[in-house]
Amino acid sequence: MIGAPNRATLRELYQAVTKGPLEPDDPAYTELFPHDEHPLTRLQEELSLGLSDSTTLIWGSRGVGKTTGLRRLAQGLPEACVMVLDLESMLPVDADPTALDVKLGVAMALGVALGESGAGPSEAEIHKLAAMFRHLGRKPAALGGRQAGTLVGDIERQVQALAGPWPYRHVETELDALLESFQSHVRRDLGKDDLVVVLEGLDHQSAAACETLLLKQAGHLVVPRVHLVLTLPPSAGLYVHQAAMQVASARVVCWPNCIVSSIPGLGALSTLDELVSRRGDWRRLLGYKASNDLIKLSGGNPRELLQLVAEVCRGSLRRQEPDDLVRRAKLARQQQLLGILTAEAGNVLRHLQEGHALGSLAAEHLPILARLLDLNLVLPYEQAGEVTFDVLPSIPVIVFKE
């Protein structure tokens, strides 16, 4: 049990690990990858080449730092206009994303860039943008900043005021014309030729929705003279290269989990240890065994690790033993897994856990593997530039009883 002298320190650790995403200037911020291995470094190098009409498809688990990293993209591309928009916030709950949504998201992002420059958009352009949102049944997504909020409000008021049928003939034709106008104004008023638009949120969509978008509409995921970046769920790793072959100037980037399973000892755990240690002395407070077990239980997912540490801190503040709390966390995970894993899913996990390659899986097992990836039960890692898949480290213990 954690004694009274340490309870205040434990409470501070709990508050620190439950804090929201950290910006790079925060003392507790931790780089999860060496600079030369960071997915963002490679992406910046590729985008700095100035290739037009390019699309970058980023796939990986949720909670591994994609959002924080991509919001820093502008720092590495000072000569470019970089805008980040949450595409998912534009979509109704029951709607799947389409190529038109992607173009509409780019138009919204460029409209905000224009607003920040003080040059627009014009009333006519706002009216046309509002008509498109209304016709497609979408809602304008807010970006950060006052101008973004102003543009969203203007579009929402226009949407409410609109009545009658869609006033234009072809949606995509009108949208392409609007995009061309926005690009010309942004380049002229901001003096930046390279335009980079990051559309987040697709990694929260279902595997089926993203697969349909990428494999059936991939040829439309190009916006002339714009570097388009899309974030995708981990299941996209199964087909993203196939999709990229259909997109001109497409690049694929894996944003992997931190490796915690393939290298024995603490060396493989050091990055995630630092992630929590910068928030408080958790090794001393919770003990080395409990903290190592939590890292392994997280599967190398930073968000999952911080949530697990918060759970153990909360129980410890109630005078429960950290080791007991970790055992309960493992048991809870076991019950959760046994509740969602079918016999076929268990066979797929065992197949991978025994070291068999993905290519040896039967075609009918790929939808099962896609679901396991999106549940973070099969994890993407990267070593020496090669992407590999591994089973969540706790799976053999709590599912196969090994």
Protein backbone atom coordinates (compact mmCIF):
# COMPACT_ATOMS: atom_id res chain seq x y z
CA MET A 1 0.00 0.00 0.00
CA ILE A 2 1.27 3.47 -0.84
CA GLY A 3 1.96 5.36 2.36
CA ALA A 4 0.71 8.81 3.33
CA PRO A 5 3.97 10.65 2.42
CA ASN A 6 3.61 9.53 -1.19
CA ARG A 7 -0.11 10.10 -1.63
CA ALA A 8 0.28 13.73 -2.70
CA THR A 9 2.90 12.70 -5.28
CA LEU A 10 0.61 9.90 -6.48
CA ARG A 11 -2.26 12.35 -6.86
CA GLU A 12 -0.02 14.62 -8.96
CA LEU A 13 0.91 11.64 -11.17
CA TYR A 14 -2.77 10.77 -11.60
CA GLN A 15 -3.59 14.35 -12.64
CA ALA A 16 -0.65 14.40 -15.07
CA VAL A 17 -1.53 11.16 -16.85
CA THR A 18 -5.18 12.19 -17.24
CA LYS A 19 -4.19 15.50 -18.83
CA GLY A 20 -5.07 15.93 -22.50
CA PRO A 21 -2.64 15.57 -25.42
CA LEU A 22 0.61 17.44 -24.83
CA GLU A 23 2.15 19.96 -27.19
CA PRO A 24 5.88 19.64 -27.95
CA ASP A 25 6.77 22.65 -25.78
CA ASP A 26 5.33 20.93 -22.68
CA PRO A 27 8.12 19.62 -20.36
CA ALA A 28 6.35 16.25 -20.15
CA TYR A 29 6.13 15.81 -23.93
CA THR A 30 7.95 12.68 -25.13
CA GLU A 31 9.11 11.87 -28.64
CA LEU A 32 8.06 8.29 -29.31
CA PHE A 33 10.47 7.69 -32.19
CA PRO A 34 14.11 8.62 -32.93
CA HIS A 35 14.23 11.52 -35.37
CA ASP A 36 15.43 9.44 -38.32
CA GLU A 37 12.71 6.83 -37.69
CA HIS A 38 9.83 9.20 -37.00
CA PRO A 39 6.92 8.87 -39.47
CA LEU A 40 6.61 12.65 -39.45
CA THR A 41 10.25 13.11 -40.52
CA ARG A 42 9.76 10.94 -43.58
CA LEU A 43 6.49 12.68 -44.40
CA GLN A 44 8.09 16.13 -44.15
CA GLU A 45 10.93 15.06 -46.43
CA GLU A 46 8.49 13.76 -49.03
CA LEU A 47 6.20 16.80 -48.89
CA SER A 48 9.15 19.20 -49.05
CA LEU A 49 9.87 17.89 -52.56
CA GLY A 50 6.99 20.06 -53.73
CA LEU A 51 5.18 17.34 -55.67
CA SER A 52 1.74 18.53 -56.77
CA ASP A 53 -1.44 16.47 -56.86
CA SER A 54 0.02 14.10 -54.25
CA THR A 55 -1.81 12.00 -51.68
CA THR A 56 -0.28 10.52 -48.52
CA LEU A 57 -2.16 7.69 -46.79
CA ILE A 58 -1.18 7.30 -43.12
CA TRP A 59 -2.40 4.22 -41.31
CA GLY A 60 -1.86 3.00 -37.76
CA SER A 61 -3.47 2.36 -34.40
CA ARG A 62 -5.39 5.08 -32.61
CA GLY A 63 -3.60 6.65 -29.68
CA VAL A 64 -0.05 6.47 -31.08
CA GLY A 65 0.50 10.21 -31.59
CA LYS A 66 -0.73 10.78 -35.16
CA THR A 67 -2.88 13.80 -34.33
CA THR A 68 -0.24 15.54 -32.23
CA GLY A 69 2.43 14.83 -34.81
CA LEU A 70 0.39 16.00 -37.78
CA ARG A 71 -0.57 19.23 -36.04
CA ARG A 72 3.18 19.93 -35.84
CA LEU A 73 3.59 19.45 -39.57
CA ALA A 74 3.58 23.18 -40.28
CA GLN A 75 6.74 23.59 -38.16
CA GLY A 76 8.65 21.29 -40.50
CA LEU A 77 7.24 22.90 -43.66
CA PRO A 78 7.63 26.66 -43.07
CA GLU A 79 7.33 27.45 -46.77
CA ALA A 80 3.97 25.67 -47.11
CA CYS A 81 0.42 26.50 -46.09
CA VAL A 82 -0.57 23.57 -43.84
CA MET A 83 -4.18 23.15 -42.68
CA VAL A 84 -5.55 20.33 -40.48
CA LEU A 85 -9.26 19.45 -40.42
CA ASP A 86 -11.23 16.71 -38.66
CA LEU A 87 -13.15 15.18 -41.55
CA GLU A 88 -15.17 12.94 -39.24
CA SER A 89 -16.83 15.96 -37.61
CA MET A 90 -18.36 16.85 -41.00
CA LEU A 91 -20.17 13.52 -41.31
CA PRO A 92 -23.55 12.50 -39.87
CA VAL A 93 -23.28 9.59 -37.43
CA ASP A 94 -24.62 7.04 -39.92
CA ALA A 95 -22.77 8.31 -43.01
CA ASP A 96 -19.72 6.76 -44.63
CA PRO A 97 -17.08 9.09 -46.11
CA THR A 98 -16.93 9.61 -49.86
CA ALA A 99 -14.46 11.19 -52.25
CA LEU A 100 -16.77 14.24 -52.39
CA ASP A 101 -16.44 14.58 -48.60
CA VAL A 102 -12.66 14.61 -49.00
CA LYS A 103 -12.84 17.43 -51.56
CA LEU A 104 -15.36 19.32 -49.42
CA GLY A 105 -13.00 19.01 -46.44
CA VAL A 106 -10.14 20.42 -48.51
CA ALA A 107 -12.35 23.32 -49.61
CA MET A 108 -13.28 24.03 -45.99
CA ALA A 109 -9.62 23.99 -44.91
CA LEU A 110 -8.57 26.34 -47.72
CA GLY A 111 -11.52 28.60 -46.90
CA VAL A 112 -10.21 28.92 -43.35
CA ALA A 113 -6.71 29.69 -44.68
CA LEU A 114 -8.26 32.47 -46.75
CA GLY A 115 -10.08 33.80 -43.71
CA GLU A 116 -6.85 33.87 -41.72
CA SER A 117 -5.21 35.90 -44.48
CA GLY A 118 -8.04 38.44 -44.29
CA ALA A 119 -8.85 37.93 -47.97
CA GLY A 120 -12.08 35.99 -47.87
CA PRO A 121 -13.82 33.79 -48.76
CA SER A 122 -16.25 36.05 -50.57
CA GLU A 123 -19.97 36.05 -49.81
CA ALA A 124 -20.63 34.24 -53.09
CA GLU A 125 -18.07 31.54 -52.22
CA ILE A 126 -19.50 31.09 -48.72
CA HIS A 127 -22.99 30.80 -50.25
CA LYS A 128 -21.79 28.12 -52.69
CA LEU A 129 -19.97 26.24 -49.92
CA ALA A 130 -23.09 26.35 -47.75
CA ALA A 131 -25.22 25.05 -50.64
CA MET A 132 -22.85 22.10 -50.99
CA PHE A 133 -22.96 21.27 -47.29
CA ARG A 134 -26.76 21.40 -47.37
CA HIS A 135 -27.08 19.35 -50.56
CA LEU A 136 -24.68 16.63 -49.32
CA GLY A 137 -26.17 16.56 -45.81
CA ARG A 138 -22.85 17.46 -44.17
CA LYS A 139 -21.94 20.05 -41.55
CA PRO A 140 -18.99 22.47 -41.59
CA ALA A 141 -16.09 21.30 -39.44
CA ALA A 142 -14.37 23.70 -37.08
CA LEU A 143 -10.62 24.15 -37.11
CA GLY A 144 -8.72 26.04 -34.46
CA GLY A 145 -8.70 29.82 -34.40
CA ARG A 146 -11.15 32.71 -34.53
CA GLN A 147 -11.39 32.81 -38.32
CA ALA A 148 -12.33 29.12 -38.42
CA GLY A 149 -15.18 29.70 -36.00
CA THR A 150 -16.34 32.72 -37.99
CA LEU A 151 -16.42 30.76 -41.26
CA VAL A 152 -18.30 27.85 -39.67
CA GLY A 153 -20.87 30.28 -38.27
CA ASP A 154 -21.27 32.02 -41.63
CA ILE A 155 -21.79 28.72 -43.43
CA GLU A 156 -24.26 27.45 -40.82
CA ARG A 157 -26.34 30.63 -41.13
CA GLN A 158 -26.33 30.31 -44.91
CA VAL A 159 -27.39 26.65 -44.67
CA GLN A 160 -30.35 27.58 -42.47
CA ALA A 161 -31.38 30.37 -44.84
CA LEU A 162 -31.22 28.23 -47.97
CA ALA A 163 -34.43 26.81 -49.39
CA GLY A 164 -35.48 24.98 -52.52
CA PRO A 165 -33.61 22.49 -54.68
CA TRP A 166 -29.87 22.30 -55.33
CA PRO A 167 -29.18 25.38 -57.50
CA TYR A 168 -26.24 23.96 -59.46
CA ARG A 169 -26.03 21.24 -62.07
CA HIS A 170 -23.08 19.06 -61.05
CA VAL A 171 -21.81 19.04 -57.45
CA GLU A 172 -18.29 17.84 -58.26
CA THR A 173 -17.87 20.33 -61.10
CA GLU A 174 -18.88 23.23 -58.85
CA LEU A 175 -16.69 21.92 -56.03
CA ASP A 176 -13.66 21.64 -58.33
CA ALA A 177 -14.22 25.23 -59.51
CA LEU A 178 -14.46 26.44 -55.91
CA LEU A 179 -11.27 24.58 -54.98
CA GLU A 180 -9.43 26.16 -57.90
CA SER A 181 -10.60 29.62 -56.85
CA PHE A 182 -9.58 29.06 -53.21
CA GLN A 183 -6.15 27.78 -54.23
CA SER A 184 -5.46 30.78 -56.44
CA HIS A 185 -6.44 33.20 -53.68
CA VAL A 186 -4.41 31.37 -51.00
CA ARG A 187 -1.29 31.32 -53.18
CA ARG A 188 -1.68 34.99 -54.07
CA ASP A 189 -2.58 36.31 -50.61
CA LEU A 190 -0.38 34.06 -48.45
CA GLY A 191 2.51 33.90 -50.92
CA LYS A 192 2.85 30.12 -50.47
CA ASP A 193 2.80 27.83 -53.47
CA ASP A 194 2.71 24.53 -51.56
CA LEU A 195 -0.68 23.70 -50.04
CA VAL A 196 -0.91 20.79 -47.57
CA VAL A 197 -4.30 19.71 -46.21
CA VAL A 198 -4.44 17.03 -43.51
CA LEU A 199 -7.82 15.37 -43.10
CA GLU A 200 -8.04 13.48 -39.81
CA GLY A 201 -10.80 11.27 -38.47
CA LEU A 202 -10.98 8.54 -41.08
CA ASP A 203 -9.11 6.31 -38.62
CA HIS A 204 -12.31 6.37 -36.52
CA GLN A 205 -14.42 5.09 -39.41
CA SER A 206 -15.27 1.42 -39.88
CA ALA A 207 -12.91 -0.82 -41.80
CA ALA A 208 -15.59 -1.43 -44.44
CA ALA A 209 -16.22 2.30 -44.97
CA CYS A 210 -12.53 3.09 -45.42
CA GLU A 211 -11.99 0.09 -47.67
CA THR A 212 -14.86 1.20 -49.92
CA LEU A 213 -13.50 4.75 -50.08
CA LEU A 214 -9.95 3.68 -50.88
CA LEU A 215 -10.53 0.77 -53.22
CA LYS A 216 -13.62 1.96 -55.09
CA GLN A 217 -13.04 5.74 -55.10
CA ALA A 218 -9.26 5.93 -54.83
CA GLY A 219 -8.91 7.52 -58.25
CA HIS A 220 -10.87 10.53 -57.00
CA LEU A 221 -8.68 11.11 -53.92
CA VAL A 222 -6.51 13.64 -55.72
CA VAL A 223 -6.99 17.40 -55.45
CA PRO A 224 -5.09 19.31 -58.15
CA ARG A 225 -2.09 21.25 -56.80
CA VAL A 226 -2.73 20.16 -53.20
CA HIS A 227 -0.75 17.74 -51.01
CA LEU A 228 -3.55 15.69 -49.41
CA VAL A 229 -2.88 13.69 -46.22
CA LEU A 230 -5.45 11.19 -44.91
CA THR A 231 -5.26 9.27 -41.61
CA LEU A 232 -6.64 5.73 -41.77
CA PRO A 233 -7.45 2.92 -39.30
CA PRO A 234 -4.94 0.10 -38.69
CA SER A 235 -7.02 -2.30 -40.81
CA ALA A 236 -6.13 -0.13 -43.82
CA GLY A 237 -2.66 -1.65 -43.64
CA LEU A 238 -4.11 -4.74 -45.33
CA TYR A 239 -5.03 -2.94 -48.54
CA VAL A 240 -3.56 0.57 -48.47
CA HIS A 241 -0.74 -0.27 -50.89
CA GLN A 242 -3.29 -1.68 -53.32
CA ALA A 243 -5.26 1.56 -53.02
CA ALA A 244 -2.13 3.68 -53.49
CA MET A 245 -1.52 2.04 -56.86
CA GLN A 246 -4.77 3.64 -58.06
CA VAL A 247 -3.82 7.16 -56.92
CA ALA A 248 -1.34 9.27 -58.86
CA SER A 249 1.72 10.28 -56.79
CA ALA A 250 0.44 8.38 -53.74
CA ARG A 251 2.63 7.54 -50.75
CA VAL A 252 1.92 5.21 -47.84
CA VAL A 253 3.17 5.87 -44.30
CA CYS A 254 2.78 3.44 -41.39
CA TRP A 255 2.54 5.11 -37.97
CA PRO A 256 3.51 2.11 -35.82
CA ASN A 257 3.10 1.23 -32.17
CA CYS A 258 6.17 1.34 -29.94
CA ILE A 259 7.81 -2.09 -29.86
CA VAL A 260 7.42 -3.77 -26.47
CA SER A 261 7.32 -7.46 -27.27
CA SER A 262 10.16 -8.51 -29.55
CA ILE A 263 13.13 -7.33 -27.46
CA PRO A 264 13.59 -8.78 -23.96
CA GLY A 265 14.37 -6.62 -20.96
CA LEU A 266 13.81 -2.96 -20.22
CA GLY A 267 15.52 -1.67 -23.36
CA ALA A 268 12.39 -2.13 -25.43
CA LEU A 269 10.31 -0.38 -22.78
CA SER A 270 12.44 2.74 -22.31
CA THR A 271 10.46 5.11 -24.55
CA LEU A 272 7.13 4.30 -22.93
CA ASP A 273 8.75 4.39 -19.50
CA GLU A 274 9.90 7.94 -20.28
CA LEU A 275 6.40 8.82 -21.50
CA VAL A 276 5.05 8.24 -17.98
CA SER A 277 8.21 9.13 -16.01
CA ARG A 278 8.08 12.71 -17.30
CA ARG A 279 4.70 12.98 -15.60
CA GLY A 280 5.82 11.54 -12.26
CA ASP A 281 8.02 8.92 -10.57
CA TRP A 282 5.69 6.04 -11.35
CA ARG A 283 8.39 3.36 -11.04
CA ARG A 284 8.93 4.24 -7.39
CA LEU A 285 5.24 4.77 -6.64
CA LEU A 286 3.78 1.71 -8.37
CA GLY A 287 6.81 -0.59 -8.40
CA TYR A 288 8.86 -1.94 -11.30
CA LYS A 289 6.85 -5.12 -11.79
CA ALA A 290 3.51 -3.29 -11.96
CA SER A 291 4.85 -0.60 -14.30
CA ASN A 292 6.48 -3.13 -16.66
CA ASP A 293 3.29 -5.19 -16.72
CA LEU A 294 1.29 -2.09 -17.62
CA ILE A 295 3.61 -1.29 -20.53
CA LYS A 296 3.26 -4.82 -21.88
CA LEU A 297 -0.50 -4.78 -21.37
CA SER A 298 -0.69 -1.54 -23.39
CA GLY A 299 0.89 -3.21 -26.43
CA GLY A 300 3.05 -0.15 -27.04
CA ASN A 301 0.07 2.18 -27.39
CA PRO A 302 0.81 5.46 -25.53
CA ARG A 303 -2.83 6.42 -24.95
CA GLU A 304 -3.68 2.94 -23.67
CA LEU A 305 -0.69 3.04 -21.31
CA LEU A 306 -1.64 6.41 -19.81
CA GLN A 307 -5.22 5.19 -19.28
CA LEU A 308 -3.96 2.04 -17.54
CA VAL A 309 -1.62 4.06 -15.31
CA ALA A 310 -4.48 6.41 -14.42
CA GLU A 311 -6.64 3.42 -13.47
CA VAL A 312 -3.95 1.99 -11.19
CA CYS A 313 -3.24 5.42 -9.65
CA ARG A 314 -6.93 5.91 -8.92
CA GLY A 315 -7.13 2.54 -7.16
CA SER A 316 -3.90 3.17 -5.26
CA LEU A 317 -5.31 6.44 -3.93
CA ARG A 318 -8.08 4.29 -2.49
CA ARG A 319 -5.41 2.30 -0.63
CA GLN A 320 -5.32 -0.71 -2.95
CA GLU A 321 -2.06 -2.47 -3.85
CA PRO A 322 -0.67 -1.59 -7.33
CA ASP A 323 0.18 -5.24 -8.11
CA ASP A 324 -3.37 -6.30 -7.23
CA LEU A 325 -4.75 -3.54 -9.44
CA VAL A 326 -2.60 -4.68 -12.37
CA ARG A 327 -3.81 -8.25 -11.91
CA ARG A 328 -7.39 -6.96 -11.96
CA ALA A 329 -6.66 -4.97 -15.12
CA LYS A 330 -5.38 -8.16 -16.76
CA LEU A 331 -8.46 -10.07 -15.61
CA ALA A 332 -10.76 -7.33 -16.92
CA ARG A 333 -8.96 -7.43 -20.26
CA GLN A 334 -9.31 -11.20 -20.32
CA GLN A 335 -13.06 -11.00 -19.72
CA GLN A 336 -13.36 -8.31 -22.39
CA LEU A 337 -11.43 -10.37 -24.93
CA LEU A 338 -13.26 -13.59 -24.21
CA GLY A 339 -16.50 -11.69 -24.74
CA ILE A 340 -15.59 -10.45 -28.21
CA LEU A 341 -13.30 -13.16 -29.61
CA THR A 342 -14.88 -15.90 -31.67
CA ALA A 343 -13.19 -19.25 -32.15
CA GLU A 344 -12.11 -18.16 -35.64
CA ALA A 345 -10.62 -14.92 -34.29
CA GLY A 346 -8.71 -16.93 -31.70
CA ASN A 347 -7.34 -19.15 -34.47
CA VAL A 348 -6.17 -16.09 -36.43
CA LEU A 349 -4.44 -14.69 -33.34
CA ARG A 350 -2.73 -18.00 -32.64
CA HIS A 351 -1.66 -18.24 -36.30
CA LEU A 352 0.08 -14.85 -36.05
CA GLN A 353 1.41 -15.49 -32.56
CA GLU A 354 3.16 -18.60 -33.86
CA GLY A 355 5.05 -16.42 -36.34
CA HIS A 356 3.18 -17.17 -39.56
CA ALA A 357 3.13 -14.44 -42.21
CA LEU A 358 -0.01 -12.50 -43.08
CA GLY A 359 0.13 -13.89 -46.60
CA SER A 360 -0.47 -17.39 -45.28
CA LEU A 361 -3.93 -16.46 -43.96
CA ALA A 362 -6.89 -17.67 -45.97
CA ALA A 363 -8.87 -14.94 -47.77
CA GLU A 364 -11.95 -15.56 -45.62
CA HIS A 365 -9.90 -14.72 -42.52
CA LEU A 366 -8.89 -11.23 -43.71
CA PRO A 367 -12.12 -9.52 -42.46
CA ILE A 368 -11.45 -11.11 -39.06
CA LEU A 369 -7.87 -9.81 -39.12
CA ALA A 370 -9.15 -6.33 -40.07
CA ARG A 371 -11.38 -6.31 -36.98
CA LEU A 372 -8.52 -7.52 -34.76
CA LEU A 373 -6.34 -4.70 -36.06
CA ASP A 374 -8.98 -2.07 -35.34
CA LEU A 375 -9.47 -3.53 -31.84
CA ASN A 376 -5.70 -3.13 -31.23
CA LEU A 377 -5.34 -6.88 -30.67
CA VAL A 378 -2.99 -7.19 -33.64
CA LEU A 379 -0.48 -4.33 -33.76
CA PRO A 380 1.67 -2.81 -36.50
CA TYR A 381 5.35 -2.35 -35.64
CA GLU A 382 8.23 -1.15 -37.76
CA GLN A 383 11.87 -2.22 -37.70
CA ALA A 384 14.54 -1.18 -40.22
CA GLY A 385 11.85 0.25 -42.47
CA GLU A 386 9.87 -3.01 -42.59
CA VAL A 387 6.31 -3.13 -41.24
CA THR A 388 5.43 -6.25 -39.27
CA PHE A 389 2.32 -7.31 -37.39
CA ASP A 390 2.38 -8.87 -33.95
CA VAL A 391 -0.20 -10.05 -31.46
CA LEU A 392 -0.87 -7.83 -28.43
CA PRO A 393 1.75 -9.01 -25.88
CA SER A 394 -0.89 -9.90 -23.28
CA ILE A 395 -2.85 -12.13 -25.69
CA PRO A 396 -0.78 -15.31 -25.20
CA VAL A 397 -1.14 -15.00 -21.42
CA ILE A 398 -4.79 -14.06 -21.03
CA VAL A 399 -6.26 -15.88 -24.04
CA PHE A 400 -3.98 -18.84 -24.75
CA LYS A 401 -2.98 -19.29 -21.06
CA GLU A 402 0.71 -19.39 -21.99
